[in-house]
N, C-alpha and C. Protein backbone atom coordinates (compact mmCIF):
# COMPACT_ATOMS: atom_id res chain seq x y z
N MET A 1 0.82 -1.19 0.00
CA MET A 1 0.00 0.00 0.00
C MET A 1 0.86 1.26 0.00
N LYS A 2 0.36 2.30 -0.62
CA LYS A 2 1.07 3.58 -0.69
C LYS A 2 0.57 4.51 0.41
N THR A 3 1.38 5.51 0.71
CA THR A 3 1.00 6.51 1.70
C THR A 3 -0.33 7.15 1.34
N VAL A 4 -0.53 7.48 0.05
CA VAL A 4 -1.78 8.15 -0.35
C VAL A 4 -3.00 7.28 -0.08
N ASP A 5 -2.82 5.96 -0.08
CA ASP A 5 -3.95 5.09 0.26
C ASP A 5 -4.38 5.30 1.71
N TYR A 6 -3.43 5.43 2.59
CA TYR A 6 -3.74 5.68 3.99
C TYR A 6 -4.29 7.08 4.21
N LEU A 7 -3.84 8.00 3.36
CA LEU A 7 -4.33 9.39 3.45
C LEU A 7 -5.70 9.55 2.81
N GLN A 8 -6.15 8.48 2.16
CA GLN A 8 -7.42 8.47 1.44
C GLN A 8 -7.44 9.49 0.31
N LEU A 9 -6.30 9.55 -0.39
CA LEU A 9 -6.18 10.37 -1.60
C LEU A 9 -5.92 9.45 -2.77
N ASP A 10 -6.44 9.80 -3.91
CA ASP A 10 -6.24 9.03 -5.12
C ASP A 10 -4.93 9.45 -5.76
N SER A 11 -4.02 8.49 -5.96
CA SER A 11 -2.70 8.82 -6.50
C SER A 11 -2.79 9.43 -7.89
N LYS A 12 -3.75 9.01 -8.67
CA LYS A 12 -3.92 9.58 -10.02
C LYS A 12 -4.32 11.06 -9.93
N SER A 13 -5.22 11.37 -9.02
CA SER A 13 -5.69 12.76 -8.92
C SER A 13 -4.66 13.68 -8.25
N THR A 14 -3.67 13.13 -7.57
CA THR A 14 -2.65 13.96 -6.93
C THR A 14 -1.46 14.24 -7.86
N GLU A 15 -1.43 13.63 -9.04
CA GLU A 15 -0.30 13.83 -9.95
C GLU A 15 -0.10 15.30 -10.32
N ARG A 16 -1.20 15.99 -10.59
CA ARG A 16 -1.09 17.41 -10.94
C ARG A 16 -0.55 18.23 -9.76
N THR A 17 -0.96 17.87 -8.57
CA THR A 17 -0.44 18.54 -7.37
C THR A 17 1.05 18.30 -7.22
N VAL A 18 1.47 17.06 -7.39
CA VAL A 18 2.89 16.72 -7.27
C VAL A 18 3.70 17.46 -8.33
N ASP A 19 3.21 17.52 -9.56
CA ASP A 19 3.92 18.26 -10.61
C ASP A 19 4.08 19.73 -10.23
N GLY A 20 3.01 20.32 -9.70
CA GLY A 20 3.09 21.71 -9.27
C GLY A 20 4.05 21.90 -8.12
N LEU A 21 4.06 20.95 -7.19
CA LEU A 21 5.00 21.03 -6.07
C LEU A 21 6.44 20.89 -6.53
N GLN A 22 6.68 20.06 -7.56
CA GLN A 22 8.04 19.92 -8.11
C GLN A 22 8.51 21.26 -8.69
N LYS A 23 7.63 21.94 -9.43
CA LYS A 23 7.99 23.26 -9.99
C LYS A 23 8.22 24.27 -8.87
N LEU A 24 7.37 24.22 -7.86
CA LEU A 24 7.54 25.11 -6.72
C LEU A 24 8.87 24.85 -6.02
N LEU A 25 9.21 23.58 -5.83
CA LEU A 25 10.47 23.22 -5.19
C LEU A 25 11.66 23.79 -5.95
N ALA A 26 11.67 23.63 -7.25
CA ALA A 26 12.77 24.16 -8.07
C ALA A 26 12.88 25.67 -7.91
N ASN A 27 11.76 26.35 -7.97
CA ASN A 27 11.76 27.81 -7.84
C ASN A 27 12.18 28.25 -6.44
N LEU A 28 11.74 27.54 -5.42
CA LEU A 28 12.17 27.87 -4.06
C LEU A 28 13.67 27.70 -3.89
N GLN A 29 14.24 26.67 -4.52
CA GLN A 29 15.68 26.44 -4.40
C GLN A 29 16.48 27.56 -5.06
N LEU A 30 16.04 28.03 -6.23
CA LEU A 30 16.74 29.14 -6.89
C LEU A 30 16.55 30.43 -6.10
N TYR A 31 15.35 30.65 -5.60
CA TYR A 31 15.07 31.82 -4.76
C TYR A 31 15.98 31.81 -3.54
N TYR A 32 16.09 30.66 -2.89
CA TYR A 32 16.95 30.51 -1.71
C TYR A 32 18.40 30.88 -2.04
N THR A 33 18.90 30.33 -3.12
CA THR A 33 20.28 30.59 -3.50
C THR A 33 20.51 32.07 -3.79
N ASN A 34 19.57 32.69 -4.48
CA ASN A 34 19.68 34.12 -4.75
C ASN A 34 19.65 34.93 -3.46
N LEU A 35 18.78 34.56 -2.54
CA LEU A 35 18.71 35.26 -1.25
C LEU A 35 20.04 35.19 -0.51
N ARG A 36 20.67 34.02 -0.53
CA ARG A 36 21.98 33.89 0.14
C ARG A 36 22.98 34.84 -0.49
N GLY A 37 23.01 34.89 -1.82
CA GLY A 37 23.94 35.80 -2.50
C GLY A 37 23.65 37.25 -2.18
N PHE A 38 22.38 37.63 -2.15
CA PHE A 38 22.02 39.00 -1.81
C PHE A 38 22.48 39.32 -0.38
N HIS A 39 22.24 38.39 0.53
CA HIS A 39 22.62 38.57 1.94
C HIS A 39 24.13 38.80 2.06
N TRP A 40 24.90 38.01 1.34
CA TRP A 40 26.36 38.12 1.42
C TRP A 40 26.88 39.42 0.81
N ASN A 41 26.22 39.91 -0.23
CA ASN A 41 26.79 40.99 -1.03
C ASN A 41 26.13 42.35 -0.88
N VAL A 42 25.05 42.46 -0.09
CA VAL A 42 24.36 43.73 0.04
C VAL A 42 25.30 44.81 0.59
N LYS A 43 25.15 46.04 0.06
CA LYS A 43 25.96 47.18 0.50
C LYS A 43 25.06 48.41 0.56
N GLY A 44 25.52 49.39 1.26
CA GLY A 44 24.81 50.66 1.29
C GLY A 44 24.26 51.00 2.66
N VAL A 45 23.57 52.14 2.71
CA VAL A 45 23.08 52.65 3.99
C VAL A 45 22.02 51.74 4.61
N GLU A 46 21.34 50.94 3.80
CA GLU A 46 20.33 50.02 4.34
C GLU A 46 20.91 48.64 4.65
N PHE A 47 22.25 48.53 4.67
CA PHE A 47 22.91 47.24 4.86
C PHE A 47 22.37 46.48 6.07
N PHE A 48 22.38 47.11 7.23
CA PHE A 48 22.03 46.39 8.46
C PHE A 48 20.60 45.86 8.43
N VAL A 49 19.69 46.68 7.96
CA VAL A 49 18.29 46.26 7.90
C VAL A 49 18.10 45.14 6.89
N LEU A 50 18.62 45.34 5.68
CA LEU A 50 18.39 44.36 4.62
C LEU A 50 19.19 43.08 4.84
N HIS A 51 20.40 43.19 5.35
CA HIS A 51 21.22 42.00 5.64
C HIS A 51 20.46 41.06 6.59
N ALA A 52 19.92 41.60 7.65
CA ALA A 52 19.17 40.79 8.62
C ALA A 52 17.88 40.25 8.01
N LYS A 53 17.17 41.06 7.25
CA LYS A 53 15.89 40.64 6.65
C LYS A 53 16.13 39.51 5.64
N LEU A 54 17.18 39.62 4.84
CA LEU A 54 17.49 38.58 3.86
C LEU A 54 17.81 37.25 4.54
N GLU A 55 18.51 37.31 5.67
CA GLU A 55 18.78 36.08 6.42
C GLU A 55 17.47 35.45 6.91
N GLU A 56 16.57 36.28 7.40
CA GLU A 56 15.25 35.81 7.82
C GLU A 56 14.52 35.15 6.64
N PHE A 57 14.58 35.78 5.47
CA PHE A 57 13.92 35.24 4.29
C PHE A 57 14.53 33.90 3.87
N TYR A 58 15.87 33.79 3.86
CA TYR A 58 16.42 32.51 3.39
C TYR A 58 16.24 31.41 4.42
N ASP A 59 16.23 31.73 5.70
CA ASP A 59 15.93 30.70 6.70
C ASP A 59 14.50 30.19 6.52
N ASP A 60 13.56 31.11 6.30
CA ASP A 60 12.17 30.74 6.07
C ASP A 60 12.03 29.90 4.79
N THR A 61 12.74 30.29 3.77
CA THR A 61 12.68 29.57 2.49
C THR A 61 13.24 28.16 2.64
N ALA A 62 14.31 28.00 3.41
CA ALA A 62 14.88 26.67 3.64
C ALA A 62 13.84 25.75 4.29
N GLU A 63 13.06 26.28 5.22
CA GLU A 63 12.00 25.49 5.84
C GLU A 63 10.92 25.13 4.82
N LYS A 64 10.57 26.08 3.97
CA LYS A 64 9.55 25.82 2.95
C LYS A 64 10.03 24.75 1.96
N VAL A 65 11.30 24.79 1.59
CA VAL A 65 11.87 23.78 0.69
C VAL A 65 11.67 22.40 1.30
N ASP A 66 12.00 22.26 2.57
CA ASP A 66 11.88 20.96 3.23
C ASP A 66 10.42 20.51 3.29
N GLU A 67 9.52 21.42 3.61
CA GLU A 67 8.10 21.08 3.70
C GLU A 67 7.54 20.65 2.34
N VAL A 68 7.95 21.34 1.28
CA VAL A 68 7.47 20.99 -0.06
C VAL A 68 8.02 19.62 -0.47
N ALA A 69 9.30 19.39 -0.24
CA ALA A 69 9.90 18.09 -0.60
C ALA A 69 9.22 16.95 0.16
N GLU A 70 8.97 17.16 1.45
CA GLU A 70 8.31 16.12 2.23
C GLU A 70 6.87 15.91 1.77
N ARG A 71 6.19 16.97 1.36
CA ARG A 71 4.82 16.80 0.87
C ARG A 71 4.82 16.02 -0.43
N ILE A 72 5.79 16.27 -1.30
CA ILE A 72 5.92 15.50 -2.54
C ILE A 72 6.05 14.02 -2.20
N LEU A 73 6.88 13.70 -1.22
CA LEU A 73 7.06 12.31 -0.81
C LEU A 73 5.77 11.71 -0.26
N MET A 74 5.06 12.48 0.54
CA MET A 74 3.80 11.99 1.11
C MET A 74 2.78 11.67 0.03
N LEU A 75 2.84 12.42 -1.07
CA LEU A 75 1.88 12.22 -2.16
C LEU A 75 2.38 11.21 -3.20
N GLY A 76 3.47 10.52 -2.87
CA GLY A 76 3.95 9.44 -3.73
C GLY A 76 4.96 9.85 -4.78
N GLY A 77 5.41 11.09 -4.75
CA GLY A 77 6.41 11.54 -5.70
C GLY A 77 7.81 11.44 -5.13
N VAL A 78 8.78 11.78 -5.96
CA VAL A 78 10.18 11.82 -5.55
C VAL A 78 10.67 13.23 -5.84
N PRO A 79 11.01 14.00 -4.80
CA PRO A 79 11.42 15.38 -5.05
C PRO A 79 12.76 15.44 -5.79
N ALA A 80 12.81 16.30 -6.79
CA ALA A 80 14.09 16.55 -7.47
C ALA A 80 15.06 17.09 -6.43
N HIS A 81 16.34 16.78 -6.62
CA HIS A 81 17.31 17.25 -5.63
C HIS A 81 18.65 17.66 -6.24
N ASN A 82 18.60 18.06 -7.50
CA ASN A 82 19.85 18.55 -8.10
C ASN A 82 19.59 19.83 -8.89
N TYR A 83 20.61 20.68 -8.90
CA TYR A 83 20.44 21.99 -9.53
C TYR A 83 20.30 21.90 -11.04
N THR A 84 20.81 20.87 -11.66
CA THR A 84 20.60 20.70 -13.10
C THR A 84 19.11 20.64 -13.40
N GLU A 85 18.38 19.88 -12.61
CA GLU A 85 16.93 19.76 -12.79
C GLU A 85 16.23 21.06 -12.40
N TYR A 86 16.66 21.67 -11.30
CA TYR A 86 16.05 22.92 -10.86
C TYR A 86 16.19 24.00 -11.92
N LEU A 87 17.37 24.11 -12.51
CA LEU A 87 17.61 25.15 -13.51
C LEU A 87 16.75 24.96 -14.75
N LYS A 88 16.47 23.71 -15.10
CA LYS A 88 15.59 23.43 -16.25
C LYS A 88 14.14 23.79 -15.94
N THR A 89 13.74 23.61 -14.69
CA THR A 89 12.34 23.71 -14.30
C THR A 89 11.94 25.10 -13.81
N SER A 90 12.87 25.80 -13.19
CA SER A 90 12.55 27.04 -12.49
C SER A 90 12.31 28.23 -13.41
N SER A 91 11.31 29.02 -13.08
CA SER A 91 11.08 30.31 -13.75
C SER A 91 11.98 31.38 -13.14
N ILE A 92 12.32 31.21 -11.87
CA ILE A 92 13.27 32.11 -11.21
C ILE A 92 14.66 31.71 -11.68
N LYS A 93 15.42 32.67 -12.11
CA LYS A 93 16.76 32.40 -12.64
C LYS A 93 17.83 32.80 -11.63
N GLU A 94 19.01 32.22 -11.80
CA GLU A 94 20.15 32.60 -10.98
C GLU A 94 20.48 34.07 -11.23
N THR A 95 20.95 34.73 -10.20
CA THR A 95 21.39 36.11 -10.38
C THR A 95 22.90 36.17 -10.29
N ALA A 96 23.44 37.20 -10.91
CA ALA A 96 24.86 37.50 -10.72
C ALA A 96 24.97 38.20 -9.37
N ILE A 97 26.14 38.66 -9.04
CA ILE A 97 26.30 39.39 -7.78
C ILE A 97 25.53 40.70 -7.88
N VAL A 98 24.64 40.89 -6.94
CA VAL A 98 23.85 42.12 -6.87
C VAL A 98 24.05 42.66 -5.46
N ASN A 99 24.46 43.93 -5.35
CA ASN A 99 24.66 44.49 -4.01
C ASN A 99 23.85 45.75 -3.76
N ASN A 100 23.20 46.28 -4.78
CA ASN A 100 22.36 47.46 -4.64
C ASN A 100 21.05 47.09 -3.97
N THR A 101 20.70 47.76 -2.89
CA THR A 101 19.53 47.38 -2.11
C THR A 101 18.24 47.43 -2.91
N LYS A 102 18.07 48.43 -3.73
CA LYS A 102 16.83 48.55 -4.51
C LYS A 102 16.73 47.43 -5.55
N GLU A 103 17.85 47.07 -6.18
CA GLU A 103 17.85 45.95 -7.13
C GLU A 103 17.54 44.63 -6.42
N ILE A 104 18.10 44.48 -5.24
CA ILE A 104 17.86 43.26 -4.47
C ILE A 104 16.37 43.13 -4.14
N VAL A 105 15.80 44.20 -3.61
CA VAL A 105 14.39 44.16 -3.21
C VAL A 105 13.50 43.93 -4.43
N LYS A 106 13.82 44.56 -5.54
CA LYS A 106 13.03 44.35 -6.77
C LYS A 106 13.11 42.89 -7.20
N ASN A 107 14.29 42.30 -7.13
CA ASN A 107 14.45 40.89 -7.50
C ASN A 107 13.65 39.99 -6.55
N VAL A 108 13.69 40.28 -5.27
CA VAL A 108 12.94 39.49 -4.30
C VAL A 108 11.44 39.60 -4.59
N LEU A 109 10.98 40.81 -4.88
CA LEU A 109 9.56 40.99 -5.22
C LEU A 109 9.18 40.22 -6.48
N ASP A 110 10.03 40.28 -7.50
CA ASP A 110 9.76 39.53 -8.73
C ASP A 110 9.71 38.03 -8.46
N SER A 111 10.60 37.54 -7.61
CA SER A 111 10.62 36.12 -7.26
C SER A 111 9.38 35.73 -6.47
N LEU A 112 8.98 36.58 -5.55
CA LEU A 112 7.77 36.30 -4.78
C LEU A 112 6.55 36.25 -5.68
N LYS A 113 6.52 37.10 -6.70
CA LYS A 113 5.41 37.07 -7.65
C LYS A 113 5.33 35.71 -8.34
N VAL A 114 6.46 35.16 -8.74
CA VAL A 114 6.51 33.84 -9.36
C VAL A 114 6.03 32.77 -8.38
N LEU A 115 6.56 32.80 -7.16
CA LEU A 115 6.19 31.80 -6.16
C LEU A 115 4.71 31.86 -5.84
N ILE A 116 4.18 33.05 -5.67
CA ILE A 116 2.76 33.21 -5.36
C ILE A 116 1.90 32.63 -6.48
N GLY A 117 2.27 32.89 -7.72
CA GLY A 117 1.51 32.33 -8.85
C GLY A 117 1.55 30.81 -8.86
N LEU A 118 2.73 30.25 -8.63
CA LEU A 118 2.85 28.78 -8.59
C LEU A 118 2.04 28.19 -7.44
N GLU A 119 2.10 28.83 -6.29
CA GLU A 119 1.37 28.31 -5.13
C GLU A 119 -0.14 28.36 -5.36
N ARG A 120 -0.62 29.41 -5.98
CA ARG A 120 -2.05 29.48 -6.27
C ARG A 120 -2.46 28.34 -7.22
N GLY A 121 -1.61 28.01 -8.18
CA GLY A 121 -1.88 26.90 -9.09
C GLY A 121 -1.90 25.56 -8.38
N VAL A 122 -0.97 25.36 -7.45
CA VAL A 122 -0.94 24.10 -6.69
C VAL A 122 -2.16 24.02 -5.78
N ILE A 123 -2.55 25.13 -5.19
CA ILE A 123 -3.75 25.13 -4.34
C ILE A 123 -4.97 24.71 -5.15
N GLU A 124 -5.06 25.21 -6.36
CA GLU A 124 -6.19 24.83 -7.24
C GLU A 124 -6.17 23.32 -7.52
N ALA A 125 -5.01 22.80 -7.88
CA ALA A 125 -4.89 21.37 -8.17
C ALA A 125 -5.19 20.53 -6.93
N ALA A 126 -4.65 20.95 -5.79
CA ALA A 126 -4.87 20.20 -4.55
C ALA A 126 -6.34 20.24 -4.14
N SER A 127 -6.98 21.36 -4.35
CA SER A 127 -8.41 21.48 -4.03
C SER A 127 -9.23 20.50 -4.84
N GLU A 128 -8.89 20.38 -6.11
CA GLU A 128 -9.62 19.47 -7.00
C GLU A 128 -9.47 18.01 -6.59
N SER A 129 -8.37 17.68 -5.93
CA SER A 129 -8.17 16.29 -5.50
C SER A 129 -8.47 16.10 -4.00
N ASN A 130 -9.16 17.08 -3.41
CA ASN A 130 -9.55 17.03 -2.00
C ASN A 130 -8.36 16.88 -1.05
N ASP A 131 -7.26 17.51 -1.41
CA ASP A 131 -6.03 17.46 -0.62
C ASP A 131 -5.94 18.73 0.23
N GLU A 132 -6.69 18.72 1.33
CA GLU A 132 -6.77 19.89 2.21
C GLU A 132 -5.44 20.23 2.86
N VAL A 133 -4.59 19.25 3.09
CA VAL A 133 -3.31 19.50 3.77
C VAL A 133 -2.39 20.33 2.88
N THR A 134 -2.31 19.99 1.60
CA THR A 134 -1.49 20.79 0.69
C THR A 134 -2.07 22.19 0.56
N VAL A 135 -3.38 22.28 0.47
CA VAL A 135 -4.04 23.60 0.40
C VAL A 135 -3.67 24.43 1.62
N SER A 136 -3.75 23.84 2.79
CA SER A 136 -3.44 24.55 4.04
C SER A 136 -1.98 24.99 4.08
N LEU A 137 -1.08 24.07 3.71
CA LEU A 137 0.35 24.35 3.72
C LEU A 137 0.65 25.57 2.83
N LEU A 138 0.13 25.53 1.61
CA LEU A 138 0.45 26.61 0.68
C LEU A 138 -0.31 27.89 1.00
N SER A 139 -1.46 27.77 1.62
CA SER A 139 -2.17 28.97 2.09
C SER A 139 -1.34 29.69 3.15
N ASP A 140 -0.70 28.92 4.02
CA ASP A 140 0.19 29.52 5.02
C ASP A 140 1.38 30.21 4.35
N PHE A 141 1.94 29.56 3.32
CA PHE A 141 3.04 30.19 2.57
C PHE A 141 2.58 31.53 2.01
N LEU A 142 1.40 31.52 1.39
CA LEU A 142 0.88 32.74 0.77
C LEU A 142 0.69 33.87 1.78
N ALA A 143 0.19 33.54 2.94
CA ALA A 143 -0.03 34.56 3.96
C ALA A 143 1.28 35.27 4.31
N ASP A 144 2.35 34.50 4.51
CA ASP A 144 3.67 35.08 4.81
C ASP A 144 4.18 35.91 3.63
N GLN A 145 4.07 35.36 2.44
CA GLN A 145 4.63 36.03 1.28
C GLN A 145 3.88 37.30 0.92
N GLU A 146 2.56 37.29 1.08
CA GLU A 146 1.81 38.51 0.79
C GLU A 146 2.19 39.62 1.76
N LYS A 147 2.43 39.27 3.01
CA LYS A 147 2.88 40.28 3.98
C LYS A 147 4.27 40.81 3.58
N ASN A 148 5.15 39.91 3.16
CA ASN A 148 6.48 40.33 2.73
C ASN A 148 6.41 41.25 1.51
N VAL A 149 5.52 40.95 0.57
CA VAL A 149 5.35 41.80 -0.60
C VAL A 149 4.94 43.21 -0.15
N TRP A 150 3.98 43.28 0.75
CA TRP A 150 3.53 44.57 1.27
C TRP A 150 4.69 45.34 1.89
N MET A 151 5.48 44.67 2.74
CA MET A 151 6.59 45.33 3.43
C MET A 151 7.68 45.77 2.45
N LEU A 152 8.02 44.91 1.50
CA LEU A 152 9.07 45.25 0.55
C LEU A 152 8.62 46.37 -0.40
N THR A 153 7.37 46.38 -0.76
CA THR A 153 6.84 47.45 -1.59
C THR A 153 6.93 48.78 -0.83
N ALA A 154 6.59 48.74 0.44
CA ALA A 154 6.71 49.94 1.29
C ALA A 154 8.17 50.38 1.41
N PHE A 155 9.07 49.42 1.51
CA PHE A 155 10.51 49.72 1.60
C PHE A 155 10.98 50.48 0.37
N LEU A 156 10.47 50.11 -0.80
CA LEU A 156 10.87 50.77 -2.05
C LEU A 156 10.23 52.14 -2.24
N SER A 157 9.15 52.43 -1.52
CA SER A 157 8.45 53.70 -1.70
C SER A 157 9.21 54.88 -1.16
């Protein structure tokens, strides 16, 4: 028996959810890597504020990566775990060294826009397969990210 059998989910109907989670995982991994680079290289008068905030963001993203990978496993999938695959799948691209605070924040906002769109798509797929746990997980992600978008937009104003 499979885990989804015990969860009372149909493995066929969860395939779309797993595919969406795989894309989300790849994008989260690239986002995480970019955040680390921004954290290391940020310069300017907003250094202290942004340096600390970026560390908070990448720590949070690392937790989200783990939760998404584990959810993929629970739904019978195998999470991708190499950057070759992530780079092929991700809409978020690697960045070069960026140290300007406004460029960093703009990049983070653009990445959050991608993640939010992917998460809304996975929520739709999970809803259709009666997968309330995935819906709840990603709804929590959205709540955090929407608040971050608001704060970062205010930072740029």
